[in-house]
């Protein structure tokens, strides 16, 4: 058996050694990046917002599984209350919302998509400001909270354009030389004895 795992007969007939999987540590050659990754923060905010929206849809389905709607009977002309199960509709809405937000999260890496989302957030904030004057006192607190959330998200989106992670600067100073302890020399071999006669 040879050190590469082949038998002597395999080495003689030209069989190549088999590759051995080694769990050696890997080294990344990519430069070290410094700075805040605002795009990643915008993605996580979008994921959190989408999760709240979808959980809200499921909560409506759990708390309000049916709705009663007055419907006019075409044969008699009378208005009767008809009950509809809205859970299948809400499940479809939740599925569409999951796909929609997944696409938005994926598109967040592109600047044009972030600009469009920023425009939607600004329009949403303007709509909330217009409702602020006519809202009841209980709704004013919720509207102010939504405005603060919109302002924070808009700040993150603006910062994703203004500040990008960049490679770390190379050190210009001389590297400190660390003393390396040398291994002790190997022991001297024992002296040879003269041959005995």
N, C-alpha and C. Protein backbone atom coordinates (compact mmCIF):
# COMPACT_ATOMS: atom_id res chain seq x y z
N UNK A 1 0.86 -1.17 0.00
CA UNK A 1 0.00 0.00 0.00
C UNK A 1 0.90 1.22 0.00
N UNK A 2 0.62 2.18 -0.93
CA UNK A 2 1.39 3.42 -1.00
C UNK A 2 0.72 4.50 -0.16
N UNK A 3 1.42 5.61 0.02
CA UNK A 3 0.90 6.69 0.87
C UNK A 3 -0.32 7.37 0.28
N UNK A 4 -0.51 7.30 -1.04
CA UNK A 4 -1.68 7.94 -1.65
C UNK A 4 -2.88 7.01 -1.71
N UNK A 5 -2.79 5.85 -1.11
CA UNK A 5 -3.93 4.94 -1.03
C UNK A 5 -3.97 3.88 -2.11
N UNK A 6 -3.02 3.88 -3.06
CA UNK A 6 -3.02 2.87 -4.11
C UNK A 6 -2.20 1.66 -3.68
N UNK A 7 -2.59 0.54 -4.26
CA UNK A 7 -1.76 -0.66 -4.09
C UNK A 7 -0.60 -0.59 -5.08
N UNK A 8 0.41 -1.36 -4.84
CA UNK A 8 1.58 -1.35 -5.72
C UNK A 8 1.19 -1.76 -7.13
N UNK A 9 0.29 -2.73 -7.26
CA UNK A 9 -0.14 -3.18 -8.59
C UNK A 9 -0.88 -2.05 -9.32
N UNK A 10 -1.66 -1.26 -8.59
CA UNK A 10 -2.36 -0.14 -9.22
C UNK A 10 -1.39 0.93 -9.67
N UNK A 11 -0.35 1.17 -8.89
CA UNK A 11 0.65 2.15 -9.29
C UNK A 11 1.41 1.70 -10.52
N UNK A 12 1.66 0.39 -10.64
CA UNK A 12 2.39 -0.11 -11.80
C UNK A 12 1.57 -0.01 -13.08
N UNK A 13 0.23 -0.24 -12.99
CA UNK A 13 -0.56 -0.20 -14.23
C UNK A 13 -1.05 1.21 -14.56
N UNK A 14 -0.66 2.24 -13.76
CA UNK A 14 -0.96 3.63 -14.11
C UNK A 14 -2.25 4.17 -13.53
N UNK A 15 -2.87 3.50 -12.57
CA UNK A 15 -4.10 4.00 -11.96
C UNK A 15 -3.79 5.26 -11.17
N UNK A 16 -4.58 6.32 -11.42
CA UNK A 16 -4.36 7.58 -10.73
C UNK A 16 -4.89 7.48 -9.30
N UNK A 17 -4.28 8.20 -8.39
CA UNK A 17 -4.79 8.18 -7.01
C UNK A 17 -6.15 8.85 -6.93
N UNK A 18 -6.98 8.38 -6.02
CA UNK A 18 -8.31 8.96 -5.85
C UNK A 18 -8.20 10.24 -5.04
N UNK A 19 -9.10 11.18 -5.36
CA UNK A 19 -9.10 12.45 -4.64
C UNK A 19 -9.66 12.23 -3.24
N UNK A 20 -9.05 12.85 -2.29
CA UNK A 20 -9.48 12.72 -0.90
C UNK A 20 -10.05 14.06 -0.47
N UNK A 21 -11.26 14.01 0.07
CA UNK A 21 -11.89 15.24 0.53
C UNK A 21 -11.25 15.67 1.84
N UNK A 22 -10.72 16.86 1.84
CA UNK A 22 -10.08 17.39 3.04
C UNK A 22 -10.95 18.52 3.59
N UNK A 23 -11.06 18.60 4.87
CA UNK A 23 -11.79 19.69 5.50
C UNK A 23 -10.82 20.79 5.89
N UNK A 24 -10.14 21.31 4.92
CA UNK A 24 -9.17 22.36 5.17
C UNK A 24 -9.89 23.69 5.34
N UNK A 25 -9.37 24.60 6.15
CA UNK A 25 -10.01 25.90 6.28
C UNK A 25 -9.93 26.68 4.98
N UNK A 26 -10.99 27.41 4.68
CA UNK A 26 -11.02 28.19 3.45
C UNK A 26 -10.63 29.63 3.75
N UNK A 27 -10.10 30.29 2.78
CA UNK A 27 -9.69 31.68 2.92
C UNK A 27 -10.43 32.49 1.87
N UNK A 28 -11.09 33.55 2.30
CA UNK A 28 -11.79 34.42 1.37
C UNK A 28 -10.81 35.46 0.83
N UNK A 29 -10.77 35.57 -0.49
CA UNK A 29 -9.90 36.56 -1.11
C UNK A 29 -10.63 37.87 -1.39
N UNK A 30 -11.93 37.94 -1.01
CA UNK A 30 -12.69 39.18 -1.21
C UNK A 30 -12.20 40.22 -0.21
N UNK A 31 -12.18 41.48 -0.62
CA UNK A 31 -11.70 42.50 0.31
C UNK A 31 -12.68 42.68 1.48
N UNK A 32 -12.14 43.03 2.62
CA UNK A 32 -12.96 43.30 3.80
C UNK A 32 -13.75 44.57 3.57
N UNK A 33 -15.08 44.48 3.74
CA UNK A 33 -15.94 45.63 3.50
C UNK A 33 -16.28 46.30 4.82
N UNK A 34 -16.26 47.63 4.84
CA UNK A 34 -16.62 48.38 6.02
C UNK A 34 -17.75 49.33 5.66
N UNK A 35 -18.53 49.71 6.65
CA UNK A 35 -19.68 50.60 6.43
C UNK A 35 -20.97 49.84 6.61
N UNK A 36 -22.04 50.58 6.78
CA UNK A 36 -23.36 49.98 7.01
C UNK A 36 -23.97 49.56 5.68
N UNK A 37 -24.50 48.35 5.66
CA UNK A 37 -25.18 47.85 4.46
C UNK A 37 -26.65 48.25 4.55
N UNK A 38 -26.97 49.43 4.04
CA UNK A 38 -28.34 49.95 4.13
C UNK A 38 -29.30 49.16 3.27
N UNK A 39 -28.81 48.55 2.21
CA UNK A 39 -29.69 47.74 1.36
C UNK A 39 -30.19 46.53 2.14
N UNK A 40 -29.29 45.90 2.90
CA UNK A 40 -29.70 44.75 3.72
C UNK A 40 -30.70 45.18 4.79
N UNK A 41 -30.49 46.36 5.38
CA UNK A 41 -31.44 46.85 6.38
C UNK A 41 -32.80 47.11 5.74
N UNK A 42 -32.81 47.69 4.52
CA UNK A 42 -34.08 47.92 3.82
C UNK A 42 -34.78 46.61 3.52
N UNK A 43 -34.00 45.59 3.17
CA UNK A 43 -34.63 44.28 2.91
C UNK A 43 -35.26 43.72 4.17
N UNK A 44 -34.55 43.81 5.31
CA UNK A 44 -35.10 43.27 6.55
C UNK A 44 -36.34 44.05 6.99
N UNK A 45 -36.35 45.35 6.78
CA UNK A 45 -37.55 46.13 7.11
C UNK A 45 -38.72 45.69 6.22
N UNK A 46 -38.45 45.46 4.94
CA UNK A 46 -39.50 45.00 4.03
C UNK A 46 -40.02 43.63 4.46
N UNK A 47 -39.11 42.75 4.86
CA UNK A 47 -39.54 41.42 5.33
C UNK A 47 -40.40 41.55 6.58
N UNK A 48 -40.00 42.42 7.52
CA UNK A 48 -40.78 42.60 8.75
C UNK A 48 -42.15 43.18 8.44
N UNK A 49 -42.20 44.17 7.56
CA UNK A 49 -43.49 44.77 7.19
C UNK A 49 -44.39 43.75 6.50
N UNK A 50 -43.81 42.95 5.59
CA UNK A 50 -44.59 41.93 4.90
C UNK A 50 -45.11 40.89 5.89
N UNK A 51 -44.27 40.51 6.85
CA UNK A 51 -44.71 39.52 7.85
C UNK A 51 -45.89 40.05 8.65
N UNK A 52 -45.84 41.33 9.04
CA UNK A 52 -46.96 41.91 9.78
C UNK A 52 -48.22 41.96 8.93
N UNK A 53 -48.08 42.31 7.66
CA UNK A 53 -49.24 42.35 6.77
C UNK A 53 -49.89 40.97 6.64
N UNK A 54 -49.04 39.96 6.42
CA UNK A 54 -49.57 38.60 6.20
C UNK A 54 -50.17 38.04 7.48
N UNK A 55 -49.52 38.32 8.63
CA UNK A 55 -50.11 37.89 9.90
C UNK A 55 -51.44 38.60 10.14
N UNK A 56 -51.55 39.87 9.73
CA UNK A 56 -52.82 40.57 9.85
C UNK A 56 -53.91 39.93 9.00
N UNK A 57 -53.56 39.49 7.80
CA UNK A 57 -54.54 38.81 6.94
C UNK A 57 -55.00 37.51 7.59
N UNK A 58 -54.06 36.74 8.15
CA UNK A 58 -54.44 35.50 8.82
C UNK A 58 -55.27 35.78 10.08
N UNK A 59 -54.96 36.86 10.79
CA UNK A 59 -55.73 37.20 11.99
C UNK A 59 -57.17 37.55 11.62
N UNK A 60 -57.34 38.27 10.52
CA UNK A 60 -58.71 38.59 10.07
C UNK A 60 -59.45 37.30 9.72
N UNK A 61 -58.74 36.35 9.08
CA UNK A 61 -59.37 35.08 8.73
C UNK A 61 -59.76 34.27 9.95
N UNK A 62 -58.97 34.37 11.02
CA UNK A 62 -59.30 33.63 12.24
C UNK A 62 -60.42 34.30 13.03
N UNK A 63 -60.37 35.63 13.12
CA UNK A 63 -61.35 36.34 13.94
C UNK A 63 -62.67 36.58 13.21
N UNK A 64 -62.62 36.69 11.90
CA UNK A 64 -63.82 37.00 11.13
C UNK A 64 -63.91 36.05 9.94
N UNK A 65 -64.26 34.77 10.18
CA UNK A 65 -64.25 33.79 9.08
C UNK A 65 -65.36 34.00 8.06
N UNK A 66 -66.45 34.63 8.47
CA UNK A 66 -67.56 34.84 7.53
C UNK A 66 -68.03 36.29 7.62
N UNK A 67 -68.63 36.75 6.52
CA UNK A 67 -69.27 38.07 6.53
C UNK A 67 -70.70 37.90 6.01
N UNK A 68 -71.57 38.74 6.51
CA UNK A 68 -72.97 38.72 6.09
C UNK A 68 -73.24 39.97 5.26
N UNK A 69 -73.73 39.74 4.06
CA UNK A 69 -73.95 40.84 3.11
C UNK A 69 -75.42 40.82 2.69
N UNK A 70 -76.08 41.99 2.69
CA UNK A 70 -77.45 42.02 2.18
C UNK A 70 -77.46 41.90 0.64
N UNK A 71 -78.21 40.91 0.15
CA UNK A 71 -78.25 40.63 -1.28
C UNK A 71 -79.72 40.61 -1.71
N UNK A 72 -79.99 41.18 -2.89
CA UNK A 72 -81.36 41.18 -3.40
C UNK A 72 -81.61 39.89 -4.16
N UNK A 73 -82.68 39.19 -3.80
CA UNK A 73 -83.06 37.96 -4.48
C UNK A 73 -83.68 38.34 -5.83
N UNK A 74 -83.10 37.84 -6.96
CA UNK A 74 -83.61 38.27 -8.27
C UNK A 74 -85.03 37.79 -8.57
N UNK A 75 -85.42 36.68 -7.99
CA UNK A 75 -86.76 36.16 -8.32
C UNK A 75 -87.86 36.87 -7.55
N UNK A 76 -87.59 37.22 -6.28
CA UNK A 76 -88.64 37.85 -5.47
C UNK A 76 -88.42 39.35 -5.29
N UNK A 77 -87.21 39.82 -5.47
CA UNK A 77 -86.92 41.24 -5.28
C UNK A 77 -86.68 41.61 -3.84
N UNK A 78 -86.76 40.66 -2.93
CA UNK A 78 -86.54 40.95 -1.51
C UNK A 78 -85.04 40.96 -1.21
N UNK A 79 -84.67 41.73 -0.22
CA UNK A 79 -83.28 41.79 0.22
C UNK A 79 -83.13 40.83 1.40
N UNK A 80 -82.22 39.89 1.23
CA UNK A 80 -81.96 38.90 2.28
C UNK A 80 -80.48 38.97 2.64
N UNK A 81 -80.19 38.58 3.88
CA UNK A 81 -78.80 38.52 4.32
C UNK A 81 -78.20 37.19 3.90
N UNK A 82 -77.07 37.26 3.24
CA UNK A 82 -76.38 36.05 2.79
C UNK A 82 -74.99 36.03 3.43
N UNK A 83 -74.60 34.87 3.93
CA UNK A 83 -73.32 34.72 4.62
C UNK A 83 -72.30 34.11 3.66
N UNK A 84 -71.12 34.72 3.62
CA UNK A 84 -70.03 34.23 2.77
C UNK A 84 -68.84 33.85 3.65
N UNK A 85 -68.21 32.74 3.29
CA UNK A 85 -66.98 32.33 3.95
C UNK A 85 -65.82 33.03 3.24
N UNK A 86 -65.10 33.90 3.97
CA UNK A 86 -64.05 34.68 3.33
C UNK A 86 -62.66 34.06 3.52
N UNK A 87 -62.57 32.94 4.20
CA UNK A 87 -61.25 32.35 4.43
C UNK A 87 -60.54 31.93 3.14
N UNK A 88 -61.21 31.32 2.16
CA UNK A 88 -60.49 31.00 0.91
C UNK A 88 -59.98 32.26 0.20
N UNK A 89 -60.79 33.32 0.22
CA UNK A 89 -60.36 34.57 -0.40
C UNK A 89 -59.15 35.15 0.32
N UNK A 90 -59.17 35.13 1.66
CA UNK A 90 -58.05 35.67 2.43
C UNK A 90 -56.79 34.81 2.25
N UNK A 91 -56.97 33.49 2.09
CA UNK A 91 -55.80 32.64 1.82
C UNK A 91 -55.18 33.00 0.48
N UNK A 92 -56.02 33.27 -0.52
CA UNK A 92 -55.51 33.70 -1.82
C UNK A 92 -54.81 35.05 -1.73
N UNK A 93 -55.39 35.97 -0.96
CA UNK A 93 -54.77 37.29 -0.77
C UNK A 93 -53.42 37.14 -0.08
N UNK A 94 -53.33 36.28 0.94
CA UNK A 94 -52.07 36.07 1.65
C UNK A 94 -51.02 35.46 0.72
N UNK A 95 -51.43 34.52 -0.13
CA UNK A 95 -50.49 33.90 -1.07
C UNK A 95 -49.95 34.93 -2.06
N UNK A 96 -50.85 35.77 -2.59
CA UNK A 96 -50.42 36.82 -3.52
C UNK A 96 -49.51 37.82 -2.82
N UNK A 97 -49.82 38.14 -1.55
CA UNK A 97 -48.99 39.08 -0.80
C UNK A 97 -47.60 38.51 -0.55
N UNK A 98 -47.50 37.22 -0.26
CA UNK A 98 -46.19 36.59 -0.05
C UNK A 98 -45.36 36.69 -1.32
N UNK A 99 -45.96 36.38 -2.46
CA UNK A 99 -45.21 36.47 -3.73
C UNK A 99 -44.83 37.92 -4.02
N UNK A 100 -45.75 38.85 -3.81
CA UNK A 100 -45.48 40.26 -4.07
C UNK A 100 -44.32 40.77 -3.23
N UNK A 101 -44.36 40.50 -1.93
CA UNK A 101 -43.29 41.00 -1.05
C UNK A 101 -41.97 40.28 -1.30
N UNK A 102 -42.02 39.01 -1.69
CA UNK A 102 -40.77 38.31 -2.03
C UNK A 102 -40.10 38.96 -3.24
N UNK A 103 -40.91 39.36 -4.22
CA UNK A 103 -40.36 40.05 -5.39
C UNK A 103 -39.80 41.41 -4.99
N UNK A 104 -40.50 42.12 -4.11
CA UNK A 104 -40.02 43.43 -3.66
C UNK A 104 -38.69 43.28 -2.92
N UNK A 105 -38.59 42.29 -2.05
CA UNK A 105 -37.34 42.06 -1.31
C UNK A 105 -36.21 41.73 -2.28
N UNK A 106 -36.49 40.92 -3.29
CA UNK A 106 -35.46 40.57 -4.27
C UNK A 106 -35.05 41.80 -5.10
N UNK A 107 -36.03 42.64 -5.46
CA UNK A 107 -35.73 43.81 -6.29
C UNK A 107 -35.06 44.94 -5.51
N UNK A 108 -35.02 44.83 -4.19
CA UNK A 108 -34.44 45.90 -3.38
C UNK A 108 -32.96 46.11 -3.68
N UNK A 109 -32.31 45.11 -4.25
CA UNK A 109 -30.88 45.30 -4.57
C UNK A 109 -30.67 46.27 -5.73
N UNK A 110 -31.72 46.57 -6.48
CA UNK A 110 -31.61 47.49 -7.60
C UNK A 110 -32.06 48.89 -7.17
N UNK A 111 -31.32 49.90 -7.61
CA UNK A 111 -31.61 51.27 -7.21
C UNK A 111 -32.95 51.78 -7.70
N UNK A 112 -33.37 51.40 -8.91
CA UNK A 112 -34.65 51.88 -9.44
C UNK A 112 -35.81 51.35 -8.61
N UNK A 113 -35.70 50.10 -8.15
CA UNK A 113 -36.76 49.54 -7.31
C UNK A 113 -36.82 50.26 -5.97
N UNK A 114 -35.64 50.59 -5.39
CA UNK A 114 -35.64 51.31 -4.12
C UNK A 114 -36.23 52.71 -4.31
N UNK A 115 -35.96 53.34 -5.46
CA UNK A 115 -36.53 54.66 -5.73
C UNK A 115 -38.06 54.58 -5.84
N UNK A 116 -38.57 53.55 -6.48
CA UNK A 116 -40.02 53.39 -6.59
C UNK A 116 -40.65 53.17 -5.23
N UNK A 117 -40.01 52.29 -4.41
CA UNK A 117 -40.53 52.03 -3.06
C UNK A 117 -40.48 53.31 -2.23
N UNK A 118 -39.41 54.10 -2.38
CA UNK A 118 -39.32 55.37 -1.65
C UNK A 118 -40.46 56.29 -2.06
N UNK A 119 -40.79 56.34 -3.35
CA UNK A 119 -41.91 57.16 -3.80
C UNK A 119 -43.23 56.69 -3.21
N UNK A 120 -43.43 55.37 -3.14
CA UNK A 120 -44.66 54.83 -2.54
C UNK A 120 -44.74 55.19 -1.06
N UNK A 121 -43.60 55.10 -0.36
CA UNK A 121 -43.59 55.42 1.08
C UNK A 121 -43.91 56.90 1.29
N UNK A 122 -43.36 57.77 0.44
CA UNK A 122 -43.64 59.21 0.57
C UNK A 122 -45.11 59.48 0.30
N UNK A 123 -45.69 58.86 -0.74
CA UNK A 123 -47.12 59.04 -1.03
C UNK A 123 -47.98 58.52 0.11
N UNK A 124 -47.58 57.38 0.70
CA UNK A 124 -48.32 56.83 1.83
C UNK A 124 -48.27 57.80 3.02
N UNK A 125 -47.10 58.39 3.27
CA UNK A 125 -46.98 59.34 4.38
C UNK A 125 -47.84 60.58 4.13
N UNK A 126 -47.89 61.05 2.87
CA UNK A 126 -48.73 62.20 2.56
C UNK A 126 -50.21 61.88 2.75
N UNK A 127 -50.60 60.66 2.39
CA UNK A 127 -51.99 60.25 2.63
C UNK A 127 -52.33 60.17 4.11
N UNK A 128 -51.37 59.68 4.90
CA UNK A 128 -51.60 59.62 6.35
C UNK A 128 -51.66 61.02 6.95
N UNK A 129 -50.86 61.96 6.43
CA UNK A 129 -50.92 63.33 6.92
C UNK A 129 -52.26 63.98 6.60
N UNK A 130 -52.81 63.66 5.44
CA UNK A 130 -54.10 64.26 5.08
C UNK A 130 -55.22 63.70 5.96
N UNK A 131 -55.10 62.46 6.41
CA UNK A 131 -56.11 61.89 7.29
C UNK A 131 -55.93 62.31 8.74
N UNK A 132 -54.79 62.90 9.07
CA UNK A 132 -54.49 63.24 10.45
C UNK A 132 -55.46 64.28 11.01
N UNK A 133 -55.89 65.22 10.18
CA UNK A 133 -56.78 66.27 10.66
C UNK A 133 -58.19 65.78 10.91
N UNK A 134 -58.64 64.77 10.19
CA UNK A 134 -60.03 64.29 10.33
C UNK A 134 -60.14 63.05 11.20
N UNK A 135 -59.03 62.51 11.69
CA UNK A 135 -59.07 61.27 12.46
C UNK A 135 -59.50 61.56 13.89
N UNK A 136 -60.06 60.52 14.52
CA UNK A 136 -60.42 60.63 15.93
C UNK A 136 -59.15 60.61 16.77
N UNK A 137 -59.31 60.91 18.05
CA UNK A 137 -58.13 61.00 18.91
C UNK A 137 -57.45 59.64 19.05
N UNK A 138 -58.21 58.55 19.01
CA UNK A 138 -57.60 57.22 19.11
C UNK A 138 -56.82 56.89 17.84
N UNK A 139 -57.34 57.32 16.69
CA UNK A 139 -56.67 57.02 15.43
C UNK A 139 -55.46 57.90 15.19
N UNK A 140 -55.40 59.06 15.87
CA UNK A 140 -54.26 59.96 15.69
C UNK A 140 -52.97 59.29 16.15
N UNK A 141 -53.04 58.58 17.27
CA UNK A 141 -51.84 57.88 17.77
C UNK A 141 -51.34 56.84 16.79
N UNK A 142 -52.26 56.08 16.20
CA UNK A 142 -51.87 55.09 15.20
C UNK A 142 -51.31 55.74 13.95
N UNK A 143 -51.89 56.87 13.55
CA UNK A 143 -51.40 57.57 12.36
C UNK A 143 -50.00 58.13 12.60
N UNK A 144 -49.77 58.66 13.80
CA UNK A 144 -48.43 59.18 14.12
C UNK A 144 -47.41 58.04 14.13
N UNK A 145 -47.81 56.88 14.66
CA UNK A 145 -46.90 55.72 14.65
C UNK A 145 -46.57 55.31 13.22
N UNK A 146 -47.59 55.27 12.34
CA UNK A 146 -47.35 54.93 10.94
C UNK A 146 -46.45 55.96 10.25
N UNK A 147 -46.63 57.23 10.59
CA UNK A 147 -45.77 58.27 10.03
C UNK A 147 -44.31 58.09 10.47
N UNK A 148 -44.11 57.73 11.73
CA UNK A 148 -42.75 57.49 12.22
C UNK A 148 -42.12 56.29 11.52
N UNK A 149 -42.92 55.23 11.30
CA UNK A 149 -42.41 54.06 10.58
C UNK A 149 -42.05 54.42 9.14
N UNK A 150 -42.92 55.21 8.49
CA UNK A 150 -42.62 55.64 7.12
C UNK A 150 -41.37 56.50 7.07
N UNK A 151 -41.21 57.38 8.06
CA UNK A 151 -40.02 58.24 8.08
C UNK A 151 -38.75 57.41 8.27
N UNK A 152 -38.81 56.41 9.15
CA UNK A 152 -37.63 55.55 9.35
C UNK A 152 -37.29 54.75 8.10
N UNK A 153 -38.30 54.20 7.45
CA UNK A 153 -38.07 53.41 6.25
C UNK A 153 -37.54 54.30 5.12
N UNK A 154 -38.10 55.52 5.00
CA UNK A 154 -37.61 56.45 3.98
C UNK A 154 -36.16 56.83 4.25
N UNK A 155 -35.79 57.00 5.53
CA UNK A 155 -34.40 57.31 5.86
C UNK A 155 -33.47 56.18 5.43
N UNK A 156 -33.88 54.94 5.69
CA UNK A 156 -33.05 53.78 5.30
C UNK A 156 -32.92 53.73 3.78
N UNK A 157 -34.00 53.97 3.06
CA UNK A 157 -33.94 53.94 1.60
C UNK A 157 -33.04 55.05 1.05
N UNK A 158 -33.12 56.24 1.65
CA UNK A 158 -32.26 57.34 1.20
C UNK A 158 -30.80 57.01 1.49
N UNK A 159 -30.53 56.45 2.66
CA UNK A 159 -29.16 56.10 3.01
C UNK A 159 -28.61 54.98 2.12
N UNK A 160 -29.50 54.14 1.57
CA UNK A 160 -29.01 53.09 0.66
C UNK A 160 -28.44 53.69 -0.62
N UNK A 161 -28.87 54.92 -0.96
CA UNK A 161 -28.29 55.61 -2.11
C UNK A 161 -27.05 56.41 -1.70
N UNK A 162 -27.07 56.98 -0.50
CA UNK A 162 -26.02 57.90 -0.09
C UNK A 162 -24.78 57.20 0.44
N UNK A 163 -24.95 56.08 1.11
CA UNK A 163 -23.81 55.43 1.76
C UNK A 163 -23.80 53.96 1.39
N UNK A 164 -22.70 53.51 0.81
CA UNK A 164 -22.55 52.12 0.41
C UNK A 164 -21.33 51.54 1.14
N UNK A 165 -21.34 50.25 1.46
CA UNK A 165 -20.13 49.65 2.03
C UNK A 165 -18.98 49.73 1.03
N UNK A 166 -17.78 49.94 1.52
CA UNK A 166 -16.61 50.06 0.66
C UNK A 166 -15.48 49.22 1.24
N UNK A 167 -14.50 48.89 0.40
CA UNK A 167 -13.39 48.08 0.91
C UNK A 167 -12.63 48.81 2.01
N UNK A 168 -12.18 48.05 2.98
CA UNK A 168 -11.41 48.63 4.08
C UNK A 168 -10.08 49.15 3.54
N UNK A 169 -9.63 50.28 4.07
CA UNK A 169 -8.34 50.80 3.59
C UNK A 169 -7.20 49.89 4.04
N UNK A 170 -6.20 49.83 3.19
CA UNK A 170 -5.02 49.05 3.54
C UNK A 170 -4.23 49.81 4.58
N UNK A 171 -3.63 49.08 5.48
CA UNK A 171 -2.83 49.70 6.53
C UNK A 171 -1.58 50.30 5.92
N UNK A 172 -1.31 51.58 6.20
CA UNK A 172 -0.13 52.23 5.67
C UNK A 172 1.05 52.11 6.61
N UNK A 173 0.78 51.84 7.87
CA UNK A 173 1.87 51.70 8.84
C UNK A 173 2.58 50.39 8.67
N UNK A 174 3.81 50.36 9.16
CA UNK A 174 4.57 49.11 9.07
C UNK A 174 3.98 48.10 10.03
N UNK A 175 3.92 46.91 9.58
CA UNK A 175 3.37 45.85 10.42
C UNK A 175 4.34 45.58 11.56
N UNK A 176 3.77 45.36 12.72
CA UNK A 176 4.62 45.05 13.85
C UNK A 176 5.17 43.64 13.69
N UNK A 177 6.44 43.53 13.92
CA UNK A 177 7.08 42.24 13.79
C UNK A 177 6.95 41.53 15.12
N UNK A 178 6.32 40.40 15.09
CA UNK A 178 6.16 39.61 16.30
C UNK A 178 7.35 38.68 16.42
N UNK A 179 7.98 38.64 17.59
CA UNK A 179 9.09 37.69 17.74
C UNK A 179 8.58 36.27 17.71
N UNK A 180 9.28 35.46 16.98
CA UNK A 180 8.89 34.06 16.85
C UNK A 180 9.87 33.23 17.68
N UNK A 181 9.32 32.44 18.54
CA UNK A 181 10.17 31.57 19.36
C UNK A 181 10.70 30.45 18.48
N UNK A 182 11.98 30.29 18.48
CA UNK A 182 12.60 29.24 17.68
C UNK A 182 12.55 27.93 18.45
N UNK A 183 12.38 26.88 17.72
CA UNK A 183 12.37 25.56 18.35
C UNK A 183 13.78 25.24 18.82
N UNK A 184 13.90 24.56 19.95
CA UNK A 184 15.24 24.20 20.42
C UNK A 184 15.89 23.23 19.44
N UNK A 185 17.22 23.29 19.35
CA UNK A 185 17.89 22.37 18.43
C UNK A 185 17.69 20.92 18.87
N UNK A 186 17.71 20.01 17.91
CA UNK A 186 17.53 18.61 18.30
C UNK A 186 18.72 18.15 19.17
N UNK A 187 18.50 17.15 20.00
CA UNK A 187 19.59 16.68 20.87
C UNK A 187 20.70 16.06 20.03
N UNK A 188 21.92 16.18 20.55
CA UNK A 188 23.07 15.61 19.86
C UNK A 188 23.01 14.09 19.92
N UNK A 189 23.43 13.42 18.85
CA UNK A 189 23.40 11.95 18.88
C UNK A 189 24.42 11.44 19.91
N UNK A 190 24.18 10.25 20.45
CA UNK A 190 25.14 9.71 21.43
C UNK A 190 26.48 9.44 20.74
N UNK A 191 27.55 9.56 21.51
CA UNK A 191 28.88 9.29 20.90
C UNK A 191 29.03 7.82 20.52
N UNK A 192 29.76 7.64 19.46
CA UNK A 192 30.01 6.26 18.99
C UNK A 192 31.09 5.62 19.86
N UNK A 193 30.83 4.43 20.26
CA UNK A 193 31.83 3.68 21.04
C UNK A 193 32.83 3.02 20.12
N UNK A 194 34.06 2.96 20.52
CA UNK A 194 35.01 2.27 19.65
C UNK A 194 34.70 0.78 19.58
N UNK A 195 34.90 0.21 18.46
CA UNK A 195 34.60 -1.22 18.35
C UNK A 195 35.47 -2.05 19.29
N UNK A 196 34.84 -3.01 19.90
CA UNK A 196 35.57 -3.88 20.83
C UNK A 196 36.17 -5.05 20.06
N UNK A 197 37.34 -5.39 20.47
CA UNK A 197 38.04 -6.47 19.81
C UNK A 197 37.93 -7.74 20.60
